[in-house]
Amino acid sequence: MNPFLKEHIQEIANLTDNDFEIIQSFFVKKRFRKRQFLIQEHQSVYEIFLIEKGILKSSFIDHTGKEHILQFATANWWISDFAGFFKQETSSLAVDCIEDAEVHALSFEDLNILCSKVPVMEHFFRVKSNFGYVALQQRILSLMSKSAKERYEDFIKQYPGFIDHIPKQLIASYLGVSRETLSRLYL
């Protein structure tokens, strides 16, 4: 039995022991090293990932070669190229590890089978998706309406302790500011 996975799901869905045995059988635990990719741009997206340990990021490289970070994720967060996964298209994002990571992978096919076998998982994934939509909306509004200083303060609140684990260049990319601007905010 995987206590991490069970606790994560039970935050939203009530499970019987039998339900959890079925659920657990669909997840594959994987380990990745720092800088290793789970998903690369322009490749098929087969899985979504629940993070047990580590810090990961999703990003894309624009036509000038600049990296834009959409999301950082750590324990109890889900990450993938969700558009590529749910639409079964190639990815526009890359997902890689900022530090060594342990994740629980779930394939598209297994997600659909799991939800039909254990209907409460439909509710679980709907709630998780809704939280994701809310976070995305807040991020977009922040980028559109807040100053760099306010975005930095929001980052510190949303990702407590990350400031010491994520290279400053990546934080600057996430905030949409230059490394120099971040240095002024950080001091």
C-alpha atoms as a PDB file:
ATOM      1  CA  MET A   1       0.000   0.000   0.000  1.00  0.00           C
ATOM      2  CA  ASN A   2       1.216   3.485  -0.846  1.00  0.00           C
ATOM      3  CA  PRO A   3       0.298   5.827   2.030  1.00  0.00           C
ATOM      4  CA  PHE A   4       1.280   8.987   0.111  1.00  0.00           C
ATOM      5  CA  LEU A   5      -1.042   8.204  -2.785  1.00  0.00           C
ATOM      6  CA  LYS A   6      -3.883   7.167  -0.499  1.00  0.00           C
ATOM      7  CA  GLU A   7      -3.636  10.322   1.647  1.00  0.00           C
ATOM      8  CA  HIS A   8      -3.492  12.521  -1.442  1.00  0.00           C
ATOM      9  CA  ILE A   9      -6.660  11.060  -2.937  1.00  0.00           C
ATOM     10  CA  GLN A  10      -8.507  10.912   0.385  1.00  0.00           C
ATOM     11  CA  GLU A  11      -8.137  14.666   0.800  1.00  0.00           C
ATOM     12  CA  ILE A  12     -10.991  14.844  -1.731  1.00  0.00           C
ATOM     13  CA  ALA A  13     -12.513  11.385  -2.169  1.00  0.00           C
ATOM     14  CA  ASN A  14     -13.687   8.862   0.410  1.00  0.00           C
ATOM     15  CA  LEU A  15     -12.246   5.465  -0.451  1.00  0.00           C
ATOM     16  CA  THR A  16     -12.791   1.932   0.676  1.00  0.00           C
ATOM     17  CA  ASP A  17      -9.727  -0.294   0.996  1.00  0.00           C
ATOM     18  CA  ASN A  18     -10.937  -2.163  -2.087  1.00  0.00           C
ATOM     19  CA  ASP A  19     -11.254   1.108  -4.042  1.00  0.00           C
ATOM     20  CA  PHE A  20      -7.711   2.055  -3.122  1.00  0.00           C
ATOM     21  CA  GLU A  21      -6.315  -1.329  -4.170  1.00  0.00           C
ATOM     22  CA  ILE A  22      -7.858  -0.782  -7.606  1.00  0.00           C
ATOM     23  CA  ILE A  23      -6.692   2.852  -7.794  1.00  0.00           C
ATOM     24  CA  GLN A  24      -3.148   2.038  -6.743  1.00  0.00           C
ATOM     25  CA  SER A  25      -2.816  -0.582  -9.476  1.00  0.00           C
ATOM     26  CA  PHE A  26      -3.157   2.108 -12.171  1.00  0.00           C
ATOM     27  CA  PHE A  27      -0.302   4.309 -10.951  1.00  0.00           C
ATOM     28  CA  VAL A  28       3.346   3.645 -11.752  1.00  0.00           C
ATOM     29  CA  LYS A  29       5.964   5.092  -9.414  1.00  0.00           C
ATOM     30  CA  LYS A  30       8.901   6.610 -11.275  1.00  0.00           C
ATOM     31  CA  ARG A  31      12.113   8.313 -10.247  1.00  0.00           C
ATOM     32  CA  PHE A  32      13.816  11.058 -12.204  1.00  0.00           C
ATOM     33  CA  ARG A  33      17.133  12.842 -11.752  1.00  0.00           C
ATOM     34  CA  LYS A  34      17.760  16.572 -11.640  1.00  0.00           C
ATOM     35  CA  ARG A  35      17.499  18.056 -15.181  1.00  0.00           C
ATOM     36  CA  GLN A  36      15.828  14.909 -16.536  1.00  0.00           C
ATOM     37  CA  PHE A  37      12.780  15.412 -18.755  1.00  0.00           C
ATOM     38  CA  LEU A  38       9.449  13.711 -18.139  1.00  0.00           C
ATOM     39  CA  ILE A  39       8.013  15.347 -21.260  1.00  0.00           C
ATOM     40  CA  GLN A  40       9.795  17.130 -24.095  1.00  0.00           C
ATOM     41  CA  GLU A  41       8.286  19.641 -26.499  1.00  0.00           C
ATOM     42  CA  HIS A  42       6.729  18.238 -29.679  1.00  0.00           C
ATOM     43  CA  GLN A  43       6.457  14.685 -28.352  1.00  0.00           C
ATOM     44  CA  SER A  44       3.384  12.642 -27.522  1.00  0.00           C
ATOM     45  CA  VAL A  45       2.092  13.098 -23.981  1.00  0.00           C
ATOM     46  CA  TYR A  46       1.179   9.760 -22.461  1.00  0.00           C
ATOM     47  CA  GLU A  47       1.022  10.538 -18.731  1.00  0.00           C
ATOM     48  CA  ILE A  48       0.130  12.962 -15.999  1.00  0.00           C
ATOM     49  CA  PHE A  49       2.254  12.972 -12.854  1.00  0.00           C
ATOM     50  CA  LEU A  50       1.513  13.330  -9.158  1.00  0.00           C
ATOM     51  CA  ILE A  51       4.679  14.469  -7.408  1.00  0.00           C
ATOM     52  CA  GLU A  52       5.675  12.753  -4.186  1.00  0.00           C
ATOM     53  CA  LYS A  53       9.147  14.316  -3.831  1.00  0.00           C
ATOM     54  CA  GLY A  54      11.157  16.913  -5.682  1.00  0.00           C
ATOM     55  CA  ILE A  55      10.552  20.110  -7.623  1.00  0.00           C
ATOM     56  CA  LEU A  56       9.597  20.129 -11.302  1.00  0.00           C
ATOM     57  CA  LYS A  57       8.719  22.795 -13.835  1.00  0.00           C
ATOM     58  CA  SER A  58       6.714  23.058 -17.036  1.00  0.00           C
ATOM     59  CA  SER A  59       7.998  25.464 -19.654  1.00  0.00           C
ATOM     60  CA  PHE A  60       8.319  26.236 -23.331  1.00  0.00           C
ATOM     61  CA  ILE A  61      11.003  27.815 -25.478  1.00  0.00           C
ATOM     62  CA  ASP A  62       9.863  30.674 -27.727  1.00  0.00           C
ATOM     63  CA  HIS A  63      11.127  31.397 -31.259  1.00  0.00           C
ATOM     64  CA  THR A  64      13.999  33.496 -29.850  1.00  0.00           C
ATOM     65  CA  GLY A  65      15.212  30.669 -27.616  1.00  0.00           C
ATOM     66  CA  LYS A  66      13.902  32.210 -24.391  1.00  0.00           C
ATOM     67  CA  GLU A  67      12.433  29.836 -21.804  1.00  0.00           C
ATOM     68  CA  HIS A  68       9.028  30.715 -20.333  1.00  0.00           C
ATOM     69  CA  ILE A  69       8.015  28.870 -17.160  1.00  0.00           C
ATOM     70  CA  LEU A  70       4.330  28.178 -16.702  1.00  0.00           C
ATOM     71  CA  GLN A  71       4.423  26.188 -13.483  1.00  0.00           C
ATOM     72  CA  PHE A  72       6.603  24.963 -10.679  1.00  0.00           C
ATOM     73  CA  ALA A  73       5.331  21.882  -8.871  1.00  0.00           C
ATOM     74  CA  THR A  74       6.322  19.984  -5.757  1.00  0.00           C
ATOM     75  CA  ALA A  75       4.878  17.308  -3.447  1.00  0.00           C
ATOM     76  CA  ASN A  76       1.104  16.845  -3.811  1.00  0.00           C
ATOM     77  CA  TRP A  77       0.981  18.795  -7.086  1.00  0.00           C
ATOM     78  CA  TRP A  78       0.095  17.397 -10.508  1.00  0.00           C
ATOM     79  CA  ILE A  79       2.103  18.269 -13.592  1.00  0.00           C
ATOM     80  CA  SER A  80       2.078  17.469 -17.295  1.00  0.00           C
ATOM     81  CA  ASP A  81       1.384  19.138 -20.597  1.00  0.00           C
ATOM     82  CA  PHE A  82      -2.331  18.907 -19.862  1.00  0.00           C
ATOM     83  CA  ALA A  83      -3.434  20.096 -23.311  1.00  0.00           C
ATOM     84  CA  GLY A  84      -1.281  17.455 -24.982  1.00  0.00           C
ATOM     85  CA  PHE A  85      -2.433  14.803 -22.513  1.00  0.00           C
ATOM     86  CA  PHE A  86      -6.187  15.412 -22.610  1.00  0.00           C
ATOM     87  CA  LYS A  87      -6.338  16.174 -26.334  1.00  0.00           C
ATOM     88  CA  GLN A  88      -3.884  13.345 -27.102  1.00  0.00           C
ATOM     89  CA  GLU A  89      -1.704  15.677 -29.154  1.00  0.00           C
ATOM     90  CA  THR A  90       2.001  16.401 -29.124  1.00  0.00           C
ATOM     91  CA  SER A  91       3.245  18.637 -26.357  1.00  0.00           C
ATOM     92  CA  SER A  92       3.885  22.338 -26.580  1.00  0.00           C
ATOM     93  CA  LEU A  93       5.508  22.248 -23.134  1.00  0.00           C
ATOM     94  CA  ALA A  94       8.437  20.472 -21.588  1.00  0.00           C
ATOM     95  CA  VAL A  95       8.360  19.094 -18.041  1.00  0.00           C
ATOM     96  CA  ASP A  96      11.665  18.533 -16.281  1.00  0.00           C
ATOM     97  CA  CYS A  97      13.172  18.173 -12.825  1.00  0.00           C
ATOM     98  CA  ILE A  98      14.790  21.022 -10.943  1.00  0.00           C
ATOM     99  CA  GLU A  99      15.885  18.453  -8.362  1.00  0.00           C
ATOM    100  CA  ASP A 100      15.643  14.662  -8.079  1.00  0.00           C
ATOM    101  CA  ALA A 101      12.003  13.608  -8.058  1.00  0.00           C
ATOM    102  CA  GLU A 102       9.670  10.719  -7.330  1.00  0.00           C
ATOM    103  CA  VAL A 103       6.320  10.775  -9.108  1.00  0.00           C
ATOM    104  CA  HIS A 104       3.251   8.613  -9.626  1.00  0.00           C
ATOM    105  CA  ALA A 105       2.450   8.406 -13.335  1.00  0.00           C
ATOM    106  CA  LEU A 106      -1.010   7.748 -14.745  1.00  0.00           C
ATOM    107  CA  SER A 107      -1.568   7.134 -18.457  1.00  0.00           C
ATOM    108  CA  PHE A 108      -4.461   8.557 -20.461  1.00  0.00           C
ATOM    109  CA  GLU A 109      -5.920   5.120 -21.087  1.00  0.00           C
ATOM    110  CA  ASP A 110      -5.561   4.112 -17.427  1.00  0.00           C
ATOM    111  CA  LEU A 111      -7.160   7.367 -16.266  1.00  0.00           C
ATOM    112  CA  ASN A 112     -10.272   6.568 -18.268  1.00  0.00           C
ATOM    113  CA  ILE A 113     -10.402   2.939 -17.114  1.00  0.00           C
ATOM    114  CA  LEU A 114      -9.801   3.966 -13.495  1.00  0.00           C
ATOM    115  CA  CYS A 115     -12.652   6.486 -13.544  1.00  0.00           C
ATOM    116  CA  SER A 116     -15.035   3.873 -14.942  1.00  0.00           C
ATOM    117  CA  LYS A 117     -13.989   1.263 -12.357  1.00  0.00           C
ATOM    118  CA  VAL A 118     -13.931   3.632  -9.372  1.00  0.00           C
ATOM    119  CA  PRO A 119     -16.489   6.400 -10.092  1.00  0.00           C
ATOM    120  CA  VAL A 120     -15.411   8.545  -7.119  1.00  0.00           C
ATOM    121  CA  MET A 121     -12.189   9.217  -9.067  1.00  0.00           C
ATOM    122  CA  GLU A 122     -14.213  11.230 -11.617  1.00  0.00           C
ATOM    123  CA  HIS A 123     -15.089  13.553  -8.733  1.00  0.00           C
ATOM    124  CA  PHE A 124     -11.462  13.603  -7.558  1.00  0.00           C
ATOM    125  CA  PHE A 125     -10.117  14.604 -10.972  1.00  0.00           C
ATOM    126  CA  ARG A 126     -12.897  17.164 -11.518  1.00  0.00           C
ATOM    127  CA  VAL A 127     -12.012  18.878  -8.244  1.00  0.00           C
ATOM    128  CA  LYS A 128      -8.288  18.796  -9.090  1.00  0.00           C
ATOM    129  CA  SER A 129      -9.009  20.240 -12.540  1.00  0.00           C
ATOM    130  CA  ASN A 130     -11.085  23.013 -11.013  1.00  0.00           C
ATOM    131  CA  PHE A 131      -8.246  23.917  -8.639  1.00  0.00           C
ATOM    132  CA  GLY A 132      -5.937  24.004 -11.652  1.00  0.00           C
ATOM    133  CA  TYR A 133      -8.264  26.346 -13.559  1.00  0.00           C
ATOM    134  CA  VAL A 134      -8.426  28.681 -10.574  1.00  0.00           C
ATOM    135  CA  ALA A 135      -4.629  28.721 -10.215  1.00  0.00           C
ATOM    136  CA  LEU A 136      -4.196  29.383 -13.938  1.00  0.00           C
ATOM    137  CA  GLN A 137      -6.681  32.254 -13.849  1.00  0.00           C
ATOM    138  CA  GLN A 138      -4.929  33.790 -10.844  1.00  0.00           C
ATOM    139  CA  ARG A 139      -1.559  33.464 -12.575  1.00  0.00           C
ATOM    140  CA  ILE A 140      -2.794  35.134 -15.766  1.00  0.00           C
ATOM    141  CA  LEU A 141      -4.449  37.971 -13.854  1.00  0.00           C
ATOM    142  CA  SER A 142      -1.284  38.445 -11.816  1.00  0.00           C
ATOM    143  CA  LEU A 143       0.868  38.725 -14.944  1.00  0.00           C
ATOM    144  CA  MET A 144      -1.593  41.206 -16.456  1.00  0.00           C
ATOM    145  CA  SER A 145      -2.250  43.440 -13.481  1.00  0.00           C
ATOM    146  CA  LYS A 146       0.414  43.210 -10.812  1.00  0.00           C
ATOM    147  CA  SER A 147       3.821  44.797 -10.531  1.00  0.00           C
ATOM    148  CA  ALA A 148       6.971  42.700 -10.527  1.00  0.00           C
ATOM    149  CA  LYS A 149       7.277  43.267  -6.779  1.00  0.00           C
ATOM    150  CA  GLU A 150       3.709  42.059  -6.164  1.00  0.00           C
ATOM    151  CA  ARG A 151       4.268  38.996  -8.366  1.00  0.00           C
ATOM    152  CA  TYR A 152       7.450  38.228  -6.429  1.00  0.00           C
ATOM    153  CA  GLU A 153       5.597  38.528  -3.091  1.00  0.00           C
ATOM    154  CA  ASP A 154       2.843  36.227  -4.438  1.00  0.00           C
ATOM    155  CA  PHE A 155       5.516  33.729  -5.517  1.00  0.00           C
ATOM    156  CA  ILE A 156       7.002  33.677  -2.012  1.00  0.00           C
ATOM    157  CA  LYS A 157       3.537  32.977  -0.553  1.00  0.00           C
ATOM    158  CA  GLN A 158       2.541  30.357  -3.120  1.00  0.00           C
ATOM    159  CA  TYR A 159       5.874  28.538  -3.077  1.00  0.00           C
ATOM    160  CA  PRO A 160       7.244  28.884   0.482  1.00  0.00           C
ATOM    161  CA  GLY A 161      10.825  27.709   0.733  1.00  0.00           C
ATOM    162  CA  PHE A 162      11.339  27.507  -3.044  1.00  0.00           C
ATOM    163  CA  ILE A 163      13.514  30.603  -3.144  1.00  0.00           C
ATOM    164  CA  ASP A 164      16.437  28.531  -1.829  1.00  0.00           C
ATOM    165  CA  HIS A 165      15.861  25.537  -4.129  1.00  0.00           C
ATOM    166  CA  ILE A 166      15.173  27.119  -7.510  1.00  0.00           C
ATOM    167  CA  PRO A 167      17.817  28.984  -9.513  1.00  0.00           C
ATOM    168  CA  LYS A 168      17.086  32.712  -9.624  1.00  0.00           C
ATOM    169  CA  GLN A 169      17.062  32.700 -13.434  1.00  0.00           C
ATOM    170  CA  LEU A 170      14.124  30.250 -13.387  1.00  0.00           C
ATOM    171  CA  ILE A 171      12.230  32.338 -10.834  1.00  0.00           C
ATOM    172  CA  ALA A 172      12.780  35.429 -12.996  1.00  0.00           C
ATOM    173  CA  SER A 173      11.395  33.559 -16.025  1.00  0.00           C
ATOM    174  CA  TYR A 174       8.336  32.460 -14.047  1.00  0.00           C
ATOM    175  CA  LEU A 175       7.684  36.027 -12.870  1.00  0.00           C
ATOM    176  CA  GLY A 176       8.220  37.491 -16.340  1.00  0.00           C
ATOM    177  CA  VAL A 177      11.105  39.712 -15.260  1.00  0.00           C
ATOM    178  CA  SER A 178      14.816  39.892 -16.007  1.00  0.00           C
ATOM    179  CA  ARG A 179      17.382  38.303 -13.708  1.00  0.00           C
ATOM    180  CA  GLU A 180      18.565  41.807 -12.809  1.00  0.00           C
ATOM    181  CA  THR A 181      15.046  42.924 -11.809  1.00  0.00           C
ATOM    182  CA  LEU A 182      14.670  39.826  -9.659  1.00  0.00           C
ATOM    183  CA  SER A 183      17.994  40.603  -7.940  1.00  0.00           C
ATOM    184  CA  ARG A 184      16.661  44.048  -6.971  1.00  0.00           C
ATOM    185  CA  LEU A 185      13.434  42.487  -5.629  1.00  0.00           C
ATOM    186  CA  TYR A 186      15.286  39.735  -3.795  1.00  0.00           C
ATOM    187  CA  LEU A 187      17.586  42.028  -1.815  1.00  0.00           C
END
